[in-house]
């Protein structure tokens, strides 16, 4: 799972280099879009960035999330993405 984590976190920081520049840590608990809990870190991806993330990960791992039964709408945190990709392998 460490390899999956490394690929996911690298992909996020490549898509959103401003996160790294601002010192925003990418953690398993980081919300991709928004968070209901004000203490939860938020990456604030937009829909195009989320699509790019999924595309990069599918290409990197050679899987299609649609074929794995994973619903993209269920991917709310970085941890969700890591778990989904690890489960699809």
N, C-alpha and C. Protein backbone atom coordinates (compact mmCIF):
# COMPACT_ATOMS: atom_id res chain seq x y z
N UNK A 1 0.83 -1.20 0.00
CA UNK A 1 0.00 0.00 0.00
C UNK A 1 0.87 1.26 0.00
N UNK A 2 2.12 1.13 0.46
CA UNK A 2 3.01 2.28 0.47
C UNK A 2 3.26 2.79 -0.94
N UNK A 3 3.42 1.87 -1.89
CA UNK A 3 3.63 2.27 -3.27
C UNK A 3 2.43 3.05 -3.80
N UNK A 4 1.23 2.58 -3.48
CA UNK A 4 0.02 3.27 -3.92
C UNK A 4 -0.02 4.67 -3.30
N UNK A 5 0.27 4.75 -2.01
CA UNK A 5 0.29 6.06 -1.33
C UNK A 5 1.26 7.00 -2.03
N UNK A 6 2.46 6.52 -2.33
CA UNK A 6 3.48 7.36 -2.96
C UNK A 6 3.00 7.87 -4.32
N UNK A 7 2.39 7.01 -5.11
CA UNK A 7 1.91 7.41 -6.43
C UNK A 7 0.77 8.43 -6.31
N UNK A 8 -0.18 8.17 -5.42
CA UNK A 8 -1.32 9.07 -5.24
C UNK A 8 -0.85 10.44 -4.75
N UNK A 9 -0.02 10.47 -3.73
CA UNK A 9 0.42 11.77 -3.20
C UNK A 9 1.27 12.52 -4.22
N UNK A 10 2.11 11.81 -4.98
CA UNK A 10 2.91 12.46 -6.02
C UNK A 10 2.00 13.03 -7.11
N UNK A 11 0.98 12.27 -7.52
CA UNK A 11 0.06 12.73 -8.55
C UNK A 11 -0.68 13.99 -8.10
N UNK A 12 -1.10 14.01 -6.87
CA UNK A 12 -1.82 15.19 -6.35
C UNK A 12 -0.91 16.41 -6.37
N UNK A 13 0.32 16.26 -5.91
CA UNK A 13 1.21 17.43 -5.87
C UNK A 13 1.65 17.85 -7.26
N UNK A 14 1.65 16.94 -8.23
CA UNK A 14 1.95 17.34 -9.61
C UNK A 14 0.77 18.08 -10.23
N UNK A 15 -0.44 17.66 -9.90
CA UNK A 15 -1.63 18.32 -10.42
C UNK A 15 -1.82 19.68 -9.75
N UNK A 16 -1.53 19.73 -8.46
CA UNK A 16 -1.70 20.97 -7.69
C UNK A 16 -0.38 21.36 -7.03
N UNK A 17 0.61 21.85 -7.79
CA UNK A 17 1.90 22.23 -7.19
C UNK A 17 1.77 23.34 -6.15
N UNK A 18 0.70 24.11 -6.24
CA UNK A 18 0.50 25.18 -5.26
C UNK A 18 0.31 24.64 -3.85
N UNK A 19 -0.17 23.41 -3.71
CA UNK A 19 -0.33 22.82 -2.38
C UNK A 19 1.03 22.67 -1.70
N UNK A 20 1.99 22.15 -2.45
CA UNK A 20 3.34 21.96 -1.92
C UNK A 20 3.99 23.31 -1.62
N UNK A 21 3.82 24.26 -2.53
CA UNK A 21 4.39 25.59 -2.34
C UNK A 21 3.81 26.29 -1.12
N UNK A 22 2.53 26.04 -0.83
CA UNK A 22 1.87 26.66 0.32
C UNK A 22 2.12 25.89 1.61
N UNK A 23 2.80 24.74 1.50
CA UNK A 23 3.06 23.92 2.68
C UNK A 23 1.87 23.12 3.13
N UNK A 24 0.91 22.90 2.23
CA UNK A 24 -0.27 22.11 2.56
C UNK A 24 0.09 20.63 2.47
N UNK A 25 0.01 19.95 3.58
CA UNK A 25 0.36 18.53 3.62
C UNK A 25 -0.76 17.70 3.02
N UNK A 26 -0.37 16.72 2.24
CA UNK A 26 -1.33 15.75 1.70
C UNK A 26 -1.31 14.56 2.66
N UNK A 27 -2.43 14.35 3.35
CA UNK A 27 -2.54 13.24 4.30
C UNK A 27 -3.70 12.33 3.89
N UNK A 28 -3.78 11.16 4.50
CA UNK A 28 -4.90 10.25 4.22
C UNK A 28 -6.23 10.91 4.52
N UNK A 29 -6.26 11.79 5.50
CA UNK A 29 -7.51 12.43 5.92
C UNK A 29 -7.86 13.68 5.10
N UNK A 30 -6.96 14.10 4.24
CA UNK A 30 -7.23 15.31 3.45
C UNK A 30 -8.43 15.10 2.54
N UNK A 31 -9.39 16.02 2.64
CA UNK A 31 -10.56 15.97 1.76
C UNK A 31 -10.14 16.43 0.37
N UNK A 32 -10.64 15.74 -0.64
CA UNK A 32 -10.28 16.11 -2.01
C UNK A 32 -10.92 17.43 -2.42
N UNK A 33 -12.19 17.64 -2.05
CA UNK A 33 -12.94 18.80 -2.52
C UNK A 33 -13.27 19.77 -1.39
N UNK A 34 -13.99 19.31 -0.40
CA UNK A 34 -14.40 20.13 0.73
C UNK A 34 -14.61 19.20 1.92
N UNK A 35 -14.69 19.78 3.10
CA UNK A 35 -14.87 18.97 4.30
C UNK A 35 -16.01 19.52 5.14
N UNK A 36 -16.80 18.62 5.68
CA UNK A 36 -17.87 19.02 6.59
C UNK A 36 -17.29 19.41 7.95
N UNK A 37 -16.18 18.78 8.31
CA UNK A 37 -15.51 19.05 9.57
C UNK A 37 -14.50 20.18 9.36
N UNK A 38 -14.64 21.29 10.09
CA UNK A 38 -13.74 22.43 9.87
C UNK A 38 -12.28 22.13 10.22
N UNK A 39 -12.02 21.07 10.98
CA UNK A 39 -10.65 20.72 11.34
C UNK A 39 -9.98 19.79 10.33
N UNK A 40 -10.74 19.31 9.36
CA UNK A 40 -10.20 18.39 8.37
C UNK A 40 -9.44 19.18 7.30
N UNK A 41 -8.23 18.75 6.95
CA UNK A 41 -7.52 19.45 5.88
C UNK A 41 -8.23 19.26 4.55
N UNK A 42 -8.21 20.30 3.73
CA UNK A 42 -8.92 20.28 2.44
C UNK A 42 -7.94 20.64 1.33
N UNK A 43 -7.93 19.81 0.28
CA UNK A 43 -7.07 20.09 -0.87
C UNK A 43 -7.75 21.01 -1.86
N UNK A 44 -9.06 21.00 -1.91
CA UNK A 44 -9.82 21.90 -2.77
C UNK A 44 -9.67 21.63 -4.26
N UNK A 45 -9.60 20.35 -4.65
CA UNK A 45 -9.53 20.03 -6.08
C UNK A 45 -10.82 20.45 -6.76
N UNK A 46 -10.72 20.88 -8.00
CA UNK A 46 -11.93 21.11 -8.77
C UNK A 46 -12.22 19.86 -9.59
N UNK A 47 -13.31 19.85 -10.31
CA UNK A 47 -13.73 18.64 -11.01
C UNK A 47 -12.74 18.22 -12.09
N UNK A 48 -12.12 19.16 -12.77
CA UNK A 48 -11.14 18.82 -13.79
C UNK A 48 -9.88 18.23 -13.17
N UNK A 49 -9.46 18.75 -12.04
CA UNK A 49 -8.29 18.21 -11.35
C UNK A 49 -8.57 16.80 -10.83
N UNK A 50 -9.78 16.57 -10.36
CA UNK A 50 -10.16 15.23 -9.89
C UNK A 50 -10.15 14.24 -11.05
N UNK A 51 -10.67 14.66 -12.18
CA UNK A 51 -10.66 13.81 -13.37
C UNK A 51 -9.22 13.51 -13.82
N UNK A 52 -8.39 14.52 -13.78
CA UNK A 52 -6.98 14.33 -14.14
C UNK A 52 -6.31 13.36 -13.17
N UNK A 53 -6.61 13.47 -11.88
CA UNK A 53 -6.05 12.56 -10.88
C UNK A 53 -6.44 11.12 -11.19
N UNK A 54 -7.71 10.89 -11.43
CA UNK A 54 -8.19 9.54 -11.73
C UNK A 54 -7.53 9.01 -13.00
N UNK A 55 -7.42 9.85 -14.02
CA UNK A 55 -6.81 9.45 -15.28
C UNK A 55 -5.34 9.06 -15.08
N UNK A 56 -4.61 9.88 -14.33
CA UNK A 56 -3.20 9.59 -14.06
C UNK A 56 -3.06 8.27 -13.30
N UNK A 57 -3.90 8.06 -12.30
CA UNK A 57 -3.81 6.84 -11.49
C UNK A 57 -4.20 5.61 -12.28
N UNK A 58 -5.23 5.71 -13.11
CA UNK A 58 -5.62 4.57 -13.94
C UNK A 58 -4.49 4.19 -14.89
N UNK A 59 -3.86 5.18 -15.47
CA UNK A 59 -2.75 4.91 -16.39
C UNK A 59 -1.55 4.34 -15.64
N UNK A 60 -1.23 4.91 -14.50
CA UNK A 60 -0.08 4.47 -13.70
C UNK A 60 -0.23 3.01 -13.26
N UNK A 61 -1.43 2.64 -12.83
CA UNK A 61 -1.65 1.30 -12.29
C UNK A 61 -2.25 0.33 -13.30
N UNK A 62 -2.63 0.82 -14.48
CA UNK A 62 -3.18 -0.06 -15.50
C UNK A 62 -4.54 -0.63 -15.15
N UNK A 63 -5.35 0.15 -14.44
CA UNK A 63 -6.70 -0.28 -14.07
C UNK A 63 -7.70 0.79 -14.49
N UNK A 64 -8.95 0.39 -14.62
CA UNK A 64 -10.04 1.34 -14.87
C UNK A 64 -10.98 1.25 -13.69
N UNK A 65 -11.16 2.35 -12.99
CA UNK A 65 -12.01 2.32 -11.80
C UNK A 65 -13.43 1.90 -12.14
N UNK A 66 -13.91 2.29 -13.30
CA UNK A 66 -15.27 1.91 -13.70
C UNK A 66 -15.42 0.40 -13.78
N UNK A 67 -14.36 -0.30 -14.18
CA UNK A 67 -14.41 -1.76 -14.28
C UNK A 67 -14.27 -2.45 -12.94
N UNK A 68 -13.82 -1.72 -11.93
CA UNK A 68 -13.58 -2.31 -10.61
C UNK A 68 -14.78 -2.23 -9.68
N UNK A 69 -15.84 -1.53 -10.09
CA UNK A 69 -17.01 -1.37 -9.24
C UNK A 69 -16.88 -0.22 -8.27
N UNK A 70 -15.79 0.53 -8.34
CA UNK A 70 -15.58 1.68 -7.45
C UNK A 70 -16.29 2.88 -8.05
N UNK A 71 -17.06 3.53 -7.22
CA UNK A 71 -17.75 4.75 -7.67
C UNK A 71 -16.90 5.96 -7.33
N UNK A 72 -16.59 6.73 -8.32
CA UNK A 72 -15.76 7.91 -8.11
C UNK A 72 -16.40 8.86 -7.11
N UNK A 73 -17.71 8.91 -7.07
CA UNK A 73 -18.42 9.78 -6.12
C UNK A 73 -18.14 9.39 -4.67
N UNK A 74 -17.69 8.16 -4.44
CA UNK A 74 -17.39 7.72 -3.08
C UNK A 74 -15.98 8.09 -2.62
N UNK A 75 -15.19 8.65 -3.51
CA UNK A 75 -13.82 9.02 -3.18
C UNK A 75 -13.81 10.44 -2.64
N UNK A 76 -13.82 10.56 -1.33
CA UNK A 76 -13.92 11.87 -0.70
C UNK A 76 -12.60 12.35 -0.11
N UNK A 77 -11.75 11.40 0.29
CA UNK A 77 -10.46 11.76 0.89
C UNK A 77 -9.32 11.10 0.13
N UNK A 78 -8.13 11.54 0.42
CA UNK A 78 -6.95 10.92 -0.19
C UNK A 78 -6.90 9.45 0.22
N UNK A 79 -7.24 9.15 1.46
CA UNK A 79 -7.26 7.77 1.92
C UNK A 79 -8.24 6.91 1.13
N UNK A 80 -9.38 7.48 0.78
CA UNK A 80 -10.36 6.76 -0.05
C UNK A 80 -9.75 6.40 -1.40
N UNK A 81 -9.01 7.33 -1.98
CA UNK A 81 -8.38 7.09 -3.29
C UNK A 81 -7.32 6.00 -3.17
N UNK A 82 -6.50 6.10 -2.14
CA UNK A 82 -5.44 5.10 -1.92
C UNK A 82 -6.06 3.72 -1.74
N UNK A 83 -7.09 3.62 -0.90
CA UNK A 83 -7.74 2.34 -0.65
C UNK A 83 -8.39 1.78 -1.92
N UNK A 84 -9.03 2.66 -2.70
CA UNK A 84 -9.68 2.23 -3.93
C UNK A 84 -8.66 1.70 -4.93
N UNK A 85 -7.56 2.42 -5.08
CA UNK A 85 -6.54 1.99 -6.03
C UNK A 85 -5.89 0.69 -5.55
N UNK A 86 -5.61 0.58 -4.28
CA UNK A 86 -5.00 -0.65 -3.75
C UNK A 86 -5.95 -1.83 -3.94
N UNK A 87 -7.25 -1.60 -3.74
CA UNK A 87 -8.24 -2.66 -3.91
C UNK A 87 -8.43 -3.07 -5.36
N UNK A 88 -8.17 -2.15 -6.27
CA UNK A 88 -8.36 -2.43 -7.69
C UNK A 88 -7.18 -3.18 -8.29
N UNK A 89 -6.07 -3.22 -7.58
CA UNK A 89 -4.87 -3.89 -8.11
C UNK A 89 -4.95 -5.39 -7.93
